[in-house]
Amino acid sequence: MEHASHPDIVKRLKRAHGHLAGVISMIEEGRPCVDLAQQLHAVESAITNAKRILIQDHMEHCLGHGMENGAKGATEALAEFKALAKYL
């Protein structure tokens, strides 16, 4: 199921992909470790933000819909939340 946030997440991940490719090139060029660490931090931040948006969107929409579907939906939503919690 595609969510409204997915295009933004794809954009963020593509940006992270570009940063990561840049880091690989920088390593191959023998660039200073401080520069590498800075770029790796940018990759890490982009991925963390993409994950945060994905999980928040899922919690708001998918889990919210499960809660609206009675006891069975709430039980399934809670199980899904527990599964998501390990990625927070």
Protein backbone atom coordinates (compact mmCIF):
# COMPACT_ATOMS: atom_id res chain seq x y z
CA MET A 1 0.00 0.00 0.00
CA GLU A 2 1.47 3.34 -1.02
CA HIS A 3 1.16 6.22 1.41
CA ALA A 4 1.26 9.94 0.74
CA SER A 5 4.69 10.05 2.41
CA HIS A 6 6.28 7.46 0.10
CA PRO A 7 7.37 9.90 -2.65
CA ASP A 8 9.13 12.04 -0.01
CA ILE A 9 10.77 8.96 1.48
CA VAL A 10 12.01 7.88 -1.96
CA LYS A 11 13.45 11.36 -2.50
CA ARG A 12 15.26 11.21 0.86
CA LEU A 13 16.63 7.74 0.14
CA LYS A 14 17.86 8.79 -3.29
CA ARG A 15 19.65 11.70 -1.63
CA ALA A 16 21.22 9.28 0.86
CA HIS A 17 22.20 7.02 -2.03
CA GLY A 18 23.97 9.95 -3.70
CA HIS A 19 25.77 10.86 -0.49
CA LEU A 20 26.86 7.25 -0.03
CA ALA A 21 28.20 7.06 -3.58
CA GLY A 22 30.08 10.27 -2.85
CA VAL A 23 31.59 8.78 0.31
CA ILE A 24 32.79 5.74 -1.61
CA SER A 25 34.45 8.01 -4.17
CA MET A 26 35.99 10.08 -1.40
CA ILE A 27 37.47 6.98 0.24
CA GLU A 28 38.90 5.85 -3.08
CA GLU A 29 40.42 9.32 -3.56
CA GLY A 30 42.03 9.20 -0.11
CA ARG A 31 40.10 12.17 1.27
CA PRO A 32 40.56 13.15 4.94
CA CYS A 33 38.69 11.14 7.56
CA VAL A 34 36.95 14.25 8.91
CA ASP A 35 35.37 14.83 5.47
CA LEU A 36 34.35 11.17 5.28
CA ALA A 37 32.81 11.24 8.73
CA GLN A 38 30.84 14.38 7.84
CA GLN A 39 29.43 12.78 4.68
CA LEU A 40 28.66 9.51 6.45
CA HIS A 41 26.77 11.52 9.04
CA ALA A 42 24.71 13.06 6.21
CA VAL A 43 23.91 9.56 4.88
CA GLU A 44 22.95 8.35 8.33
CA SER A 45 20.72 11.38 8.96
CA ALA A 46 18.94 11.01 5.62
CA ILE A 47 18.19 7.33 6.29
CA THR A 48 17.12 8.00 9.88
CA ASN A 49 14.74 10.74 8.74
CA ALA A 50 13.29 8.53 6.01
CA LYS A 51 12.70 5.75 8.52
CA ARG A 52 11.11 8.15 11.00
CA ILE A 53 8.69 9.50 8.40
CA LEU A 54 7.80 5.97 7.24
CA ILE A 55 7.09 4.74 10.77
CA GLN A 56 5.14 7.86 11.77
CA ASP A 57 3.03 7.68 8.62
CA HIS A 58 2.36 4.00 9.19
CA MET A 59 1.38 4.62 12.81
CA GLU A 60 -0.98 7.43 11.87
CA HIS A 61 -2.70 5.71 8.99
CA CYS A 62 -2.40 1.94 9.14
CA LEU A 63 -2.47 1.48 12.89
CA GLY A 64 -5.17 4.11 13.24
CA HIS A 65 -7.38 2.22 10.78
CA GLY A 66 -6.79 -0.99 12.71
CA MET A 67 -7.97 0.66 15.90
CA GLU A 68 -11.17 1.72 14.15
CA ASN A 69 -12.00 -1.88 13.24
CA GLY A 70 -12.99 -3.12 16.68
CA ALA A 71 -11.21 -5.52 19.02
CA LYS A 72 -9.70 -7.71 16.29
CA GLY A 73 -8.38 -4.66 14.44
CA ALA A 74 -6.99 -3.23 17.66
CA THR A 75 -5.23 -6.51 18.47
CA GLU A 76 -3.68 -6.63 15.00
CA ALA A 77 -2.70 -2.94 15.23
CA LEU A 78 -1.02 -3.55 18.60
CA ALA A 79 0.91 -6.54 17.23
CA GLU A 80 2.03 -4.44 14.27
CA PHE A 81 3.10 -1.61 16.58
CA LYS A 82 5.18 -4.05 18.63
CA ALA A 83 6.87 -5.24 15.44
CA LEU A 84 7.60 -1.64 14.44
CA ALA A 85 8.93 -0.72 17.88
CA LYS A 86 12.15 -2.68 17.34
CA TYR A 87 13.04 -0.28 14.50
CA LEU A 88 12.53 2.92 16.50
